[in-house]
Protein backbone atom coordinates (compact mmCIF):
# COMPACT_ATOMS: atom_id res chain seq x y z
CA MET A 1 0.00 0.00 0.00
CA ASN A 2 1.22 3.49 -0.84
CA PRO A 3 2.43 5.35 2.32
CA PHE A 4 0.08 8.29 1.68
CA VAL A 5 -2.85 5.93 1.19
CA ALA A 6 -1.95 4.14 4.44
CA LEU A 7 -1.87 7.52 6.19
CA CYS A 8 -5.32 8.35 4.80
CA HIS A 9 -6.66 4.97 5.94
CA THR A 10 -5.36 5.51 9.46
CA TYR A 11 -6.87 9.01 9.48
CA ALA A 12 -10.26 7.66 8.39
CA ARG A 13 -10.14 4.79 10.87
CA SER A 14 -9.32 7.16 13.74
CA PHE A 15 -12.94 8.37 13.60
CA PHE A 16 -13.94 4.92 14.86
CA LEU A 17 -11.55 5.03 17.81
CA GLN A 18 -14.32 4.66 20.40
CA THR A 19 -16.54 2.25 18.45
CA LEU A 20 -15.44 -0.73 20.59
CA TRP A 21 -14.82 1.22 23.79
CA ASN A 22 -14.66 -1.09 26.79
CA PHE A 23 -14.36 -0.67 30.54
CA GLU A 24 -11.16 -2.69 30.89
CA ARG A 25 -8.85 -1.05 28.33
CA LEU A 26 -11.05 1.79 27.05
CA GLN A 27 -9.93 2.76 23.49
CA ASN A 28 -7.41 -0.05 22.90
CA VAL A 29 -9.35 -1.90 20.17
CA GLY A 30 -10.03 1.29 18.22
CA PHE A 31 -6.38 2.28 18.55
CA ALA A 32 -5.16 -1.05 17.15
CA PHE A 33 -7.75 -0.92 14.35
CA SER A 34 -6.62 2.58 13.37
CA MET A 35 -2.92 1.69 13.53
CA ALA A 36 -3.18 -1.36 11.27
CA PRO A 37 -2.66 0.42 7.90
CA LEU A 38 0.44 2.26 9.15
CA LEU A 39 1.95 -0.79 10.84
CA GLY A 40 1.39 -2.70 7.62
CA GLN A 41 3.95 -0.40 6.01
CA LEU A 42 6.72 -1.89 8.16
CA ASP A 43 8.74 -4.64 6.53
CA HIS A 44 7.56 -7.52 8.71
CA SER A 45 6.13 -10.97 8.10
CA LYS A 46 2.45 -11.66 8.75
CA THR A 47 3.31 -13.32 12.06
CA ALA A 48 5.41 -10.36 13.15
CA PHE A 49 2.67 -7.95 12.03
CA ARG A 50 0.10 -9.78 14.17
CA LYS A 51 2.39 -9.60 17.20
CA LEU A 52 2.99 -5.94 16.59
CA LEU A 53 -0.72 -5.27 16.24
CA ARG A 54 -1.48 -7.30 19.36
CA ARG A 55 0.80 -5.01 21.36
CA GLN A 56 -1.46 -2.09 20.46
CA LEU A 57 -4.28 -3.75 22.42
CA LEU A 58 -2.83 -2.61 25.73
CA PHE A 59 -4.69 0.00 27.76
CA PHE A 60 -5.11 3.30 25.94
CA ASN A 61 -7.20 6.37 26.53
CA THR A 62 -6.95 9.95 25.31
CA HIS A 63 -8.99 12.71 23.74
CA PRO A 64 -10.19 11.30 20.37
CA TYR A 65 -9.07 14.37 18.41
CA PHE A 66 -5.49 13.98 19.67
CA ALA A 67 -5.35 10.20 19.23
CA PRO A 68 -3.91 10.39 15.67
CA ILE A 69 -0.88 12.22 17.09
CA VAL A 70 -0.19 9.30 19.43
CA MET A 71 -0.71 6.87 16.55
CA GLY A 72 1.88 8.69 14.46
CA VAL A 73 4.38 8.68 17.32
CA VAL A 74 3.94 4.94 17.92
CA TYR A 75 4.42 4.24 14.21
CA ALA A 76 7.55 6.41 14.03
CA LYS A 77 9.06 4.68 17.06
CA GLU A 78 8.23 1.20 15.74
CA LYS A 79 9.73 2.12 12.39
CA ALA A 80 12.95 3.29 14.04
CA ARG A 81 13.34 0.21 16.25
CA THR A 82 16.42 -1.92 15.79
CA GLY A 83 15.31 -4.86 17.93
CA GLY A 84 12.97 -7.65 16.94
CA VAL A 85 9.21 -7.32 16.95
CA GLU A 86 9.00 -9.96 19.66
CA ASP A 87 10.80 -7.66 22.13
CA GLU A 88 8.32 -5.29 23.73
CA ASP A 89 9.63 -1.76 24.10
CA GLN A 90 8.67 -0.64 27.61
CA THR A 91 9.82 2.89 26.84
CA LEU A 92 7.32 3.10 23.99
CA THR A 93 4.53 1.79 26.23
CA VAL A 94 5.28 4.45 28.85
CA LEU A 95 5.51 7.13 26.15
CA LYS A 96 2.17 6.08 24.69
CA ASP A 97 0.45 6.16 28.09
CA SER A 98 1.95 9.50 29.12
CA MET A 99 1.08 11.17 25.83
CA GLY A 100 -2.44 9.76 26.00
CA GLY A 101 -2.98 11.19 29.48
CA ALA A 102 -1.50 14.59 28.63
CA PHE A 103 -3.42 14.99 25.39
CA GLY A 104 -6.58 13.79 27.11
CA ALA A 105 -6.34 16.64 29.62
CA VAL A 106 -5.48 19.23 26.96
CA GLY A 107 -8.29 18.05 24.68
CA ASP A 108 -10.92 18.13 27.42
CA HIS A 109 -9.92 21.66 28.41
CA VAL A 110 -9.34 23.18 24.97
CA ILE A 111 -11.80 21.30 22.75
CA TRP A 112 -14.72 20.32 24.99
CA GLY A 113 -14.37 23.11 27.54
CA THR A 114 -13.50 26.03 25.25
CA TRP A 115 -13.71 25.56 21.49
CA ARG A 116 -17.06 23.75 21.35
CA PRO A 117 -18.90 26.29 23.57
CA PHE A 118 -17.27 29.18 21.71
CA ALA A 119 -18.32 27.82 18.31
CA ALA A 120 -21.86 27.32 19.65
CA VAL A 121 -22.03 30.91 20.97
CA VAL A 122 -20.75 32.34 17.67
CA ALA A 123 -23.23 30.32 15.62
CA LEU A 124 -26.12 31.10 17.95
CA SER A 125 -25.23 34.80 17.94
CA THR A 126 -25.30 34.79 14.14
CA GLY A 127 -28.68 33.09 14.14
CA ILE A 128 -30.26 35.51 16.60
CA LEU A 129 -28.62 38.77 15.54
CA VAL A 130 -29.62 38.39 11.88
CA ALA A 131 -33.08 37.03 12.56
CA GLU A 132 -34.89 40.26 11.63
CA PRO A 133 -33.00 42.02 8.79
CA SER A 134 -33.27 41.42 5.04
CA ARG A 135 -34.17 38.06 3.51
CA SER A 136 -30.59 37.47 2.42
CA TRP A 137 -29.55 37.44 6.05
CA GLN A 138 -32.37 35.13 7.05
CA VAL A 139 -30.50 32.29 5.39
CA CYS A 140 -27.82 32.72 8.07
CA ALA A 141 -30.46 32.64 10.78
CA GLN A 142 -31.92 29.39 9.44
CA TRP A 143 -28.59 27.64 8.96
CA TRP A 144 -26.77 28.59 12.16
CA VAL A 145 -26.63 24.94 13.25
CA ALA A 146 -24.82 24.02 10.04
CA GLY A 147 -22.53 26.99 10.66
CA PHE A 148 -21.70 25.65 14.10
CA LEU A 149 -20.86 22.20 12.71
CA CYS A 150 -18.68 23.67 9.97
CA MET A 151 -16.85 26.00 12.35
CA PHE A 152 -16.27 23.36 15.01
CA ASN A 153 -15.26 20.55 12.67
CA ALA A 154 -12.93 22.69 10.56
CA VAL A 155 -10.55 22.90 13.52
CA HIS A 156 -10.95 19.33 14.70
CA LEU A 157 -10.54 17.77 11.24
CA TRP A 158 -7.41 19.83 10.61
CA LEU A 159 -5.99 18.93 14.03
CA ARG A 160 -6.49 15.21 13.38
CA TRP A 161 -4.86 15.27 9.94
CA ARG A 162 -2.01 17.68 10.58
CA GLY A 163 -1.23 16.07 13.92
CA LEU A 164 -1.00 12.63 12.33
CA GLN A 165 1.26 13.92 9.56
CA LYS A 166 3.60 15.69 11.96
CA ALA A 167 3.76 12.73 14.33
CA VAL A 168 4.67 10.30 11.53
CA GLN A 169 7.41 12.66 10.35
CA GLU A 170 8.83 13.79 13.70
CA GLY A 171 7.94 11.05 16.17
CA PRO A 172 8.03 12.23 19.81
CA GLY A 173 9.29 15.60 18.54
CA VAL A 174 5.70 16.37 17.55
CA VAL A 175 5.23 17.61 21.11
CA ARG A 176 7.15 20.74 20.12
CA TRP A 177 4.69 21.31 17.28
CA VAL A 178 1.75 20.95 19.66
CA GLU A 179 3.39 23.43 22.03
CA SER A 180 3.88 25.87 19.14
CA LEU A 181 0.09 25.97 18.67
CA HIS A 182 -0.24 27.70 22.08
CA LEU A 183 -3.55 25.95 22.70
CA GLN A 184 -3.80 27.05 26.33
CA GLY A 185 -3.28 30.68 25.37
CA TRP A 186 -5.86 30.50 22.61
CA ALA A 187 -8.30 28.83 24.98
CA ALA A 188 -7.98 31.70 27.46
CA GLN A 189 -8.62 34.27 24.72
CA LEU A 190 -11.58 32.34 23.32
CA ARG A 191 -13.17 32.12 26.75
CA ARG A 192 -13.01 35.91 27.11
CA MET A 193 -14.41 36.44 23.62
CA GLY A 194 -17.14 33.89 24.26
CA LEU A 195 -18.25 35.63 27.44
CA PHE A 196 -18.32 38.96 25.62
CA LEU A 197 -20.40 37.55 22.75
CA LEU A 198 -22.73 35.89 25.20
CA ALA A 199 -23.27 39.17 27.05
CA VAL A 200 -23.97 41.00 23.77
CA LEU A 201 -26.33 38.21 22.74
CA VAL A 202 -28.31 38.47 25.98
CA LEU A 203 -28.55 42.26 25.75
CA VAL A 204 -29.74 42.17 22.14
CA TYR A 205 -32.29 39.48 22.93
CA LEU A 206 -33.59 41.43 25.92
CA GLY A 207 -33.76 44.57 23.78
CA ARG A 208 -35.97 42.79 21.26
CA SER A 209 -38.22 41.24 23.89
CA SER A 210 -41.24 43.23 25.03
CA SER A 211 -41.90 41.02 28.03
CA SER A 212 -40.29 41.33 31.44
CA ASN A 213 -40.93 37.62 32.05
CA LEU A 214 -37.76 36.77 30.14
CA LEU A 215 -35.60 38.82 32.48
CA LEU A 216 -37.25 37.22 35.51
CA TRP A 217 -36.71 33.78 33.99
CA MET A 218 -33.02 34.47 33.37
CA VAL A 219 -32.51 35.76 36.92
CA GLY A 220 -34.29 32.67 38.25
CA VAL A 221 -32.05 30.38 36.18
CA LEU A 222 -28.92 32.17 37.43
CA LEU A 223 -29.95 31.96 41.09
CA GLY A 224 -31.07 28.35 40.70
CA ALA A 225 -27.76 27.41 39.06
CA ILE A 226 -25.84 29.00 41.95
CA VAL A 227 -27.90 27.05 44.51
CA LEU A 228 -27.53 23.77 42.62
CA LYS A 229 -23.80 24.32 42.26
CA ARG A 230 -23.51 24.72 46.02
CA TRP A 231 -25.17 21.31 46.29
CA SER A 232 -22.19 19.92 44.34
CA LEU A 233 -24.27 19.24 41.24
CA SER A 234 -22.15 19.02 38.07
CA GLY A 235 -22.29 21.68 35.37
CA PHE A 236 -23.64 19.17 32.84
CA ALA A 237 -26.46 18.17 35.20
CA ILE A 238 -27.41 21.82 35.79
CA PHE A 239 -27.36 22.54 32.05
CA TYR A 240 -29.66 19.66 31.16
CA LEU A 241 -31.92 20.40 34.12
CA VAL A 242 -32.39 23.98 32.91
CA ILE A 243 -33.16 22.71 29.39
CA ALA A 244 -35.72 20.24 30.77
CA VAL A 245 -37.44 22.90 32.89
CA ALA A 246 -37.52 25.32 29.93
CA MET A 247 -39.09 22.68 27.68
CA ALA A 248 -41.64 21.79 30.36
CA LEU A 249 -42.64 25.42 30.87
CA SER A 250 -42.81 25.97 27.11
CA SER A 251 -45.15 22.99 26.71
CA PHE A 252 -47.52 24.65 29.20
CA GLY A 253 -47.47 27.89 27.26
CA VAL A 254 -45.16 29.80 29.59
CA ARG A 255 -42.98 32.20 27.56
């Protein structure tokens, strides 16, 4: 198989990383499945390839968008090995686990905790702010969900592909490339911008609303969230509880 084609196959397979998620070793099956095309590029016999693939079934867990980076590093290290396939490289196992844990923390903070909410706020702001002007702008209001998906996935798809490429080329040195992205710094800036957009969005929405019930509802949600947070309820639980209450009130005609 052509090396570029193998790289594309691994990239495509990485989307199925969590398909066979299990409680014992988490993402190990998906990791081995994704690695197979790249490992097939190594000049090994079928027996050696099976042993090499079996080693990828050890415990593995990370943020799914950063998993291709770890895959590329493992491939680069296996390619550079001078020992036999039968000899397990403990250093590589430790490297794989440590990178998985580090990228898992970074991904949860930057992707789930920052980029996804920011993309949602931007898309929602576009949908609400252009809801009243000319018909040409109404298309934006109707397709804000598609805008959110395009905005969010543009970053994540690029991160998967570019990270895999860099990891295959540079091996463990890809960490320097990840550091050069300054993800933590960008996350801090995006959080500030997201809060600003959210404040503008609320003010515009209140300015368009002729009812004071909305303001009372928002104050009630804020106070309720503070009380529930003091009861050690998670942010996700509070979010879905607010959505459920809003849907229930809406079904009874409360606006």
